[in-house]
Amino acid sequence: QVQLVESGGGLVQAGGSLRLSCAASGNILSINAMGWFRQAIGKERELVAGFSRWISGTTVFADSVKGRFTISRDYAKATVYLQMNSLKPEDTAVYYCAAKKDSITDAFIVGVYDYWGQGTQVTVSS
C-alpha cells in the first residue's frame, strides 16, 4: 500500500503562485507513475501534470497549464511538487495527488491510478 499526503493549497489572487507538495509513504518502490489531478465543481477529474514514468522522470502536462505549471520531484523521498504560476480563476479546484503501479497505461486516465491523496483546495480569485 501507498499513502499520499498533499499540502500547499490555499487562496490566491489571479496571477499569483502556489506550490503543492505530495509525499508518498509505504511501499514507494511500487510507484511507477505519480502526478496531480484536479476536479472543479461540476467537472470531471482531469490530469494537470505528472511523471508518467517515475524512474526516467518523463513528464506530461495538460494543455491548459503548459507554460504556467511545472512539476518536480525528490526521487529519494518519493515527493512530488507542483509549482503553479500565473494562476487563473479557472484553475480553482480540488487538487489530488495520485500514483500508480504501472507505467504502461495512459497517465491521463483517472481510472488507472491505484492510490489517491485526500485532496487540497486551490481557489483563485479574480
N, C-alpha and C. Protein backbone atom coordinates (compact mmCIF):
# COMPACT_ATOMS: atom_id res chain seq x y z
N GLN A 1 0.82 -1.19 0.00
CA GLN A 1 0.00 0.00 0.00
C GLN A 1 0.86 1.26 0.00
N VAL A 2 0.32 2.30 -0.58
CA VAL A 2 0.99 3.60 -0.64
C VAL A 2 0.04 4.64 -0.08
N GLN A 3 0.55 5.52 0.74
CA GLN A 3 -0.23 6.64 1.25
C GLN A 3 0.32 7.93 0.65
N LEU A 4 -0.59 8.81 0.27
CA LEU A 4 -0.22 10.09 -0.34
C LEU A 4 -0.80 11.22 0.49
N VAL A 5 0.05 12.16 0.83
CA VAL A 5 -0.40 13.30 1.64
C VAL A 5 -0.03 14.59 0.92
N GLU A 6 -1.07 15.37 0.60
CA GLU A 6 -0.86 16.64 -0.11
C GLU A 6 -0.80 17.80 0.88
N SER A 7 -0.16 18.86 0.46
CA SER A 7 -0.16 20.10 1.23
C SER A 7 0.10 21.25 0.28
N GLY A 8 -0.23 22.45 0.74
CA GLY A 8 0.13 23.65 -0.02
C GLY A 8 -1.01 24.36 -0.71
N GLY A 9 -2.22 23.88 -0.60
CA GLY A 9 -3.33 24.59 -1.23
C GLY A 9 -3.66 25.88 -0.50
N GLY A 10 -4.59 26.63 -1.06
CA GLY A 10 -5.00 27.86 -0.41
C GLY A 10 -5.69 28.79 -1.36
N LEU A 11 -5.82 30.04 -0.92
CA LEU A 11 -6.48 31.10 -1.68
C LEU A 11 -5.43 32.05 -2.22
N VAL A 12 -5.52 32.37 -3.49
CA VAL A 12 -4.56 33.27 -4.11
C VAL A 12 -5.28 34.11 -5.16
N GLN A 13 -4.77 35.29 -5.40
CA GLN A 13 -5.36 36.14 -6.43
C GLN A 13 -4.88 35.71 -7.81
N ALA A 14 -5.67 36.03 -8.79
CA ALA A 14 -5.29 35.73 -10.17
C ALA A 14 -3.92 36.35 -10.48
N GLY A 15 -3.09 35.56 -11.16
CA GLY A 15 -1.74 35.99 -11.45
C GLY A 15 -0.72 35.55 -10.42
N GLY A 16 -1.21 35.07 -9.29
CA GLY A 16 -0.32 34.64 -8.23
C GLY A 16 0.19 33.22 -8.42
N SER A 17 0.89 32.74 -7.39
CA SER A 17 1.51 31.42 -7.46
C SER A 17 1.23 30.62 -6.20
N LEU A 18 1.25 29.32 -6.36
CA LEU A 18 1.15 28.39 -5.24
C LEU A 18 2.02 27.18 -5.55
N ARG A 19 2.47 26.53 -4.51
CA ARG A 19 3.24 25.31 -4.68
C ARG A 19 2.60 24.20 -3.86
N LEU A 20 2.27 23.13 -4.53
CA LEU A 20 1.70 21.97 -3.87
C LEU A 20 2.77 20.90 -3.70
N SER A 21 2.65 20.17 -2.60
CA SER A 21 3.56 19.06 -2.34
C SER A 21 2.75 17.79 -2.10
N CYS A 22 3.33 16.68 -2.50
CA CYS A 22 2.70 15.38 -2.25
C CYS A 22 3.79 14.42 -1.82
N ALA A 23 3.66 13.93 -0.61
CA ALA A 23 4.63 12.99 -0.07
C ALA A 23 4.03 11.59 -0.04
N ALA A 24 4.74 10.66 -0.62
CA ALA A 24 4.30 9.26 -0.62
C ALA A 24 5.01 8.50 0.49
N SER A 25 4.31 7.57 1.07
CA SER A 25 4.90 6.69 2.08
C SER A 25 4.34 5.29 1.90
N GLY A 26 4.95 4.35 2.59
CA GLY A 26 4.53 2.96 2.44
C GLY A 26 5.40 2.27 1.42
N ASN A 27 4.80 1.50 0.54
CA ASN A 27 5.53 0.73 -0.45
C ASN A 27 5.86 1.59 -1.67
N ILE A 28 6.74 2.57 -1.47
CA ILE A 28 7.03 3.54 -2.54
C ILE A 28 7.77 2.90 -3.71
N LEU A 29 8.37 1.77 -3.50
CA LEU A 29 9.06 1.08 -4.61
C LEU A 29 8.07 0.56 -5.65
N SER A 30 6.80 0.51 -5.29
CA SER A 30 5.79 0.04 -6.23
C SER A 30 5.31 1.15 -7.16
N ILE A 31 5.71 2.38 -6.90
CA ILE A 31 5.25 3.52 -7.70
C ILE A 31 5.98 3.56 -9.03
N ASN A 32 5.25 3.61 -10.12
CA ASN A 32 5.84 3.77 -11.44
C ASN A 32 5.32 4.99 -12.19
N ALA A 33 4.37 5.69 -11.60
CA ALA A 33 3.89 6.95 -12.16
C ALA A 33 3.22 7.71 -11.02
N MET A 34 3.33 9.02 -11.08
CA MET A 34 2.79 9.85 -10.00
C MET A 34 2.49 11.22 -10.54
N GLY A 35 1.37 11.79 -10.13
CA GLY A 35 1.05 13.09 -10.67
C GLY A 35 -0.06 13.78 -9.93
N TRP A 36 -0.50 14.88 -10.53
CA TRP A 36 -1.54 15.72 -9.95
C TRP A 36 -2.76 15.77 -10.86
N PHE A 37 -3.91 15.59 -10.24
CA PHE A 37 -5.18 15.77 -10.91
C PHE A 37 -5.91 16.92 -10.24
N ARG A 38 -6.94 17.40 -10.88
CA ARG A 38 -7.80 18.39 -10.25
C ARG A 38 -9.24 18.14 -10.66
N GLN A 39 -10.13 18.59 -9.77
CA GLN A 39 -11.56 18.47 -10.06
C GLN A 39 -12.26 19.73 -9.60
N ALA A 40 -12.81 20.44 -10.55
CA ALA A 40 -13.60 21.63 -10.25
C ALA A 40 -15.05 21.21 -10.06
N ILE A 41 -15.82 22.07 -9.42
CA ILE A 41 -17.23 21.77 -9.17
C ILE A 41 -17.96 21.57 -10.49
N GLY A 42 -18.65 20.46 -10.59
CA GLY A 42 -19.42 20.19 -11.79
C GLY A 42 -18.63 19.66 -12.96
N LYS A 43 -17.34 19.41 -12.75
CA LYS A 43 -16.50 18.93 -13.84
C LYS A 43 -15.85 17.60 -13.47
N GLU A 44 -15.37 16.92 -14.48
CA GLU A 44 -14.69 15.66 -14.24
C GLU A 44 -13.26 15.90 -13.76
N ARG A 45 -12.74 14.92 -13.07
CA ARG A 45 -11.37 14.99 -12.63
C ARG A 45 -10.44 14.86 -13.84
N GLU A 46 -9.41 15.69 -13.87
CA GLU A 46 -8.51 15.69 -15.02
C GLU A 46 -7.06 15.76 -14.56
N LEU A 47 -6.19 15.19 -15.38
CA LEU A 47 -4.76 15.27 -15.09
C LEU A 47 -4.28 16.70 -15.32
N VAL A 48 -3.48 17.20 -14.40
CA VAL A 48 -2.85 18.50 -14.54
C VAL A 48 -1.41 18.31 -15.03
N ALA A 49 -0.67 17.53 -14.29
CA ALA A 49 0.73 17.26 -14.64
C ALA A 49 1.18 16.02 -13.89
N GLY A 50 2.16 15.34 -14.45
CA GLY A 50 2.62 14.15 -13.77
C GLY A 50 3.89 13.57 -14.33
N PHE A 51 4.45 12.65 -13.59
CA PHE A 51 5.56 11.85 -14.06
C PHE A 51 4.95 10.54 -14.56
N SER A 52 4.86 10.40 -15.88
CA SER A 52 4.24 9.21 -16.44
C SER A 52 5.13 7.98 -16.29
N ARG A 53 6.42 8.23 -16.17
CA ARG A 53 7.38 7.17 -15.88
C ARG A 53 8.26 7.64 -14.74
N TRP A 54 8.03 7.10 -13.57
CA TRP A 54 8.65 7.61 -12.36
C TRP A 54 10.17 7.48 -12.40
N ILE A 55 10.66 6.35 -12.88
CA ILE A 55 12.10 6.11 -12.84
C ILE A 55 12.83 7.04 -13.80
N SER A 56 12.32 7.20 -15.03
CA SER A 56 13.02 8.04 -16.01
C SER A 56 12.72 9.52 -15.84
N GLY A 57 11.62 9.83 -15.16
CA GLY A 57 11.27 11.22 -14.97
C GLY A 57 10.51 11.85 -16.12
N THR A 58 9.96 11.02 -16.99
CA THR A 58 9.16 11.54 -18.11
C THR A 58 7.93 12.26 -17.57
N THR A 59 7.68 13.46 -18.09
CA THR A 59 6.56 14.26 -17.59
C THR A 59 5.49 14.47 -18.66
N VAL A 60 4.29 14.72 -18.18
CA VAL A 60 3.15 15.04 -19.04
C VAL A 60 2.41 16.22 -18.42
N PHE A 61 1.80 17.02 -19.27
CA PHE A 61 1.08 18.20 -18.81
C PHE A 61 -0.23 18.33 -19.59
N ALA A 62 -1.25 18.84 -18.91
CA ALA A 62 -2.46 19.24 -19.61
C ALA A 62 -2.15 20.49 -20.43
N ASP A 63 -2.77 20.61 -21.58
CA ASP A 63 -2.52 21.78 -22.43
C ASP A 63 -2.84 23.08 -21.70
N SER A 64 -3.84 23.05 -20.84
CA SER A 64 -4.30 24.25 -20.17
C SER A 64 -3.29 24.82 -19.18
N VAL A 65 -2.29 24.03 -18.80
CA VAL A 65 -1.33 24.52 -17.80
C VAL A 65 0.09 24.62 -18.35
N LYS A 66 0.29 24.21 -19.57
CA LYS A 66 1.64 24.28 -20.15
C LYS A 66 2.13 25.72 -20.16
N GLY A 67 3.38 25.89 -19.73
CA GLY A 67 3.96 27.21 -19.67
C GLY A 67 3.68 27.95 -18.36
N ARG A 68 2.75 27.44 -17.57
CA ARG A 68 2.42 28.08 -16.29
C ARG A 68 2.77 27.19 -15.10
N PHE A 69 2.57 25.91 -15.25
CA PHE A 69 2.83 24.96 -14.15
C PHE A 69 4.08 24.15 -14.45
N THR A 70 4.82 23.85 -13.42
CA THR A 70 5.94 22.93 -13.55
C THR A 70 5.82 21.86 -12.47
N ILE A 71 6.40 20.71 -12.76
CA ILE A 71 6.37 19.61 -11.81
C ILE A 71 7.79 19.17 -11.56
N SER A 72 8.08 18.87 -10.32
CA SER A 72 9.41 18.40 -9.96
C SER A 72 9.26 17.34 -8.88
N ARG A 73 10.35 16.75 -8.51
CA ARG A 73 10.26 15.66 -7.54
C ARG A 73 11.56 15.52 -6.77
N ASP A 74 11.41 14.91 -5.61
CA ASP A 74 12.54 14.41 -4.85
C ASP A 74 12.41 12.89 -4.92
N TYR A 75 13.21 12.30 -5.79
CA TYR A 75 13.04 10.88 -6.08
C TYR A 75 13.23 10.02 -4.83
N ALA A 76 14.25 10.35 -4.05
CA ALA A 76 14.57 9.53 -2.88
C ALA A 76 13.46 9.59 -1.84
N LYS A 77 12.79 10.73 -1.77
CA LYS A 77 11.73 10.90 -0.77
C LYS A 77 10.35 10.60 -1.35
N ALA A 78 10.30 10.24 -2.62
CA ALA A 78 9.02 9.98 -3.28
C ALA A 78 8.05 11.12 -3.05
N THR A 79 8.54 12.32 -3.28
CA THR A 79 7.74 13.53 -3.11
C THR A 79 7.67 14.28 -4.43
N VAL A 80 6.48 14.73 -4.75
CA VAL A 80 6.26 15.46 -5.99
C VAL A 80 5.78 16.87 -5.66
N TYR A 81 6.27 17.84 -6.42
CA TYR A 81 5.90 19.24 -6.22
C TYR A 81 5.25 19.77 -7.49
N LEU A 82 4.21 20.56 -7.30
CA LEU A 82 3.57 21.22 -8.42
C LEU A 82 3.66 22.73 -8.19
N GLN A 83 4.46 23.38 -8.99
CA GLN A 83 4.59 24.84 -8.92
C GLN A 83 3.61 25.44 -9.90
N MET A 84 2.69 26.22 -9.38
CA MET A 84 1.64 26.81 -10.21
C MET A 84 1.83 28.32 -10.25
N ASN A 85 2.13 28.83 -11.43
CA ASN A 85 2.34 30.27 -11.63
C ASN A 85 1.25 30.83 -12.54
N SER A 86 1.13 32.13 -12.53
CA SER A 86 0.14 32.81 -13.38
C SER A 86 -1.23 32.16 -13.24
N LEU A 87 -1.63 31.96 -12.02
CA LEU A 87 -2.89 31.26 -11.76
C LEU A 87 -4.08 32.06 -12.26
N LYS A 88 -5.08 31.31 -12.73
CA LYS A 88 -6.30 31.90 -13.26
C LYS A 88 -7.49 31.39 -12.44
N PRO A 89 -8.58 32.13 -12.44
CA PRO A 89 -9.77 31.65 -11.72
C PRO A 89 -10.20 30.25 -12.16
N GLU A 90 -9.99 29.93 -13.41
CA GLU A 90 -10.39 28.60 -13.89
C GLU A 90 -9.48 27.48 -13.38
N ASP A 91 -8.41 27.83 -12.68
CA ASP A 91 -7.59 26.81 -12.03
C ASP A 91 -8.16 26.40 -10.68
N THR A 92 -9.21 27.09 -10.24
CA THR A 92 -9.84 26.75 -8.97
C THR A 92 -10.39 25.34 -9.01
N ALA A 93 -9.98 24.53 -8.03
CA ALA A 93 -10.39 23.13 -7.99
C ALA A 93 -9.80 22.49 -6.74
N VAL A 94 -10.24 21.28 -6.48
CA VAL A 94 -9.55 20.44 -5.51
C VAL A 94 -8.47 19.68 -6.28
N TYR A 95 -7.27 19.77 -5.78
CA TYR A 95 -6.13 19.12 -6.43
C TYR A 95 -5.78 17.84 -5.68
N TYR A 96 -5.65 16.76 -6.44
CA TYR A 96 -5.37 15.45 -5.87
C TYR A 96 -4.04 14.92 -6.38
N CYS A 97 -3.30 14.34 -5.49
CA CYS A 97 -2.11 13.60 -5.87
C CYS A 97 -2.52 12.16 -6.12
N ALA A 98 -1.89 11.54 -7.11
CA ALA A 98 -2.23 10.16 -7.45
C ALA A 98 -0.98 9.41 -7.87
N ALA A 99 -1.00 8.11 -7.65
CA ALA A 99 0.13 7.27 -8.04
C ALA A 99 -0.39 5.94 -8.57
N LYS A 100 0.39 5.35 -9.46
CA LYS A 100 0.00 4.03 -9.95
C LYS A 100 1.20 3.11 -10.05
N LYS A 101 0.89 1.83 -10.12
CA LYS A 101 1.93 0.82 -10.05
C LYS A 101 2.52 0.49 -11.41
N ASP A 102 1.87 0.91 -12.49
CA ASP A 102 2.42 0.62 -13.81
C ASP A 102 2.75 1.91 -14.54
N SER A 103 3.58 1.79 -15.55
CA SER A 103 3.94 2.95 -16.36
C SER A 103 3.48 2.77 -17.80
N ILE A 104 2.60 1.79 -18.01
CA ILE A 104 2.14 1.47 -19.36
C ILE A 104 0.82 2.15 -19.70
N THR A 105 -0.10 2.13 -18.76
CA THR A 105 -1.41 2.72 -19.02
C THR A 105 -1.30 4.23 -19.16
N ASP A 106 -2.26 4.80 -19.84
CA ASP A 106 -2.28 6.23 -20.14
C ASP A 106 -2.33 7.05 -18.86
N ALA A 107 -1.35 7.91 -18.69
CA ALA A 107 -1.26 8.70 -17.46
C ALA A 107 -2.41 9.70 -17.32
N PHE A 108 -3.12 9.98 -18.40
CA PHE A 108 -4.20 10.96 -18.35
C PHE A 108 -5.52 10.35 -17.87
N ILE A 109 -5.57 9.04 -17.74
CA ILE A 109 -6.82 8.35 -17.39
C ILE A 109 -6.94 8.20 -15.88
N VAL A 110 -8.00 8.74 -15.33
CA VAL A 110 -8.20 8.71 -13.88
C VAL A 110 -8.26 7.29 -13.35
N GLY A 111 -8.96 6.43 -14.05
CA GLY A 111 -9.26 5.10 -13.53
C GLY A 111 -8.10 4.15 -13.40
N VAL A 112 -6.95 4.50 -13.95
CA VAL A 112 -5.82 3.57 -13.89
C VAL A 112 -4.93 3.80 -12.69
N TYR A 113 -5.22 4.83 -11.92
CA TYR A 113 -4.40 5.12 -10.75
C TYR A 113 -4.84 4.28 -9.55
N ASP A 114 -3.86 3.82 -8.81
CA ASP A 114 -4.11 2.91 -7.70
C ASP A 114 -4.26 3.62 -6.36
N TYR A 115 -3.63 4.75 -6.22
CA TYR A 115 -3.60 5.44 -4.93
C TYR A 115 -3.92 6.92 -5.13
N TRP A 116 -4.64 7.46 -4.15
CA TRP A 116 -5.06 8.86 -4.19
C TRP A 116 -4.85 9.53 -2.84
N GLY A 117 -4.49 10.80 -2.90
CA GLY A 117 -4.45 11.59 -1.69
C GLY A 117 -5.84 12.11 -1.36
N GLN A 118 -5.92 12.84 -0.26
CA GLN A 118 -7.22 13.33 0.21
C GLN A 118 -7.67 14.59 -0.50
N GLY A 119 -6.76 15.25 -1.20
CA GLY A 119 -7.09 16.45 -1.94
C GLY A 119 -6.81 17.71 -1.16
N THR A 120 -6.47 18.76 -1.89
CA THR A 120 -6.24 20.06 -1.28
C THR A 120 -6.88 21.13 -2.16
N GLN A 121 -7.57 22.06 -1.52
CA GLN A 121 -8.33 23.07 -2.26
C GLN A 121 -7.41 24.19 -2.73
N VAL A 122 -7.56 24.54 -3.99
CA VAL A 122 -6.90 25.72 -4.56
C VAL A 122 -8.00 26.64 -5.08
N THR A 123 -8.00 27.86 -4.57
CA THR A 123 -9.00 28.84 -5.01
C THR A 123 -8.28 30.07 -5.53
N VAL A 124 -8.62 30.45 -6.75
CA VAL A 124 -8.00 31.60 -7.38
C VAL A 124 -9.08 32.66 -7.57
N SER A 125 -8.91 33.78 -6.93
CA SER A 125 -9.90 34.85 -7.01
C SER A 125 -9.55 35.81 -8.14
N SER A 126 -10.57 36.38 -8.73
CA SER A 126 -10.36 37.30 -9.86
C SER A 126 -10.20 38.74 -9.39
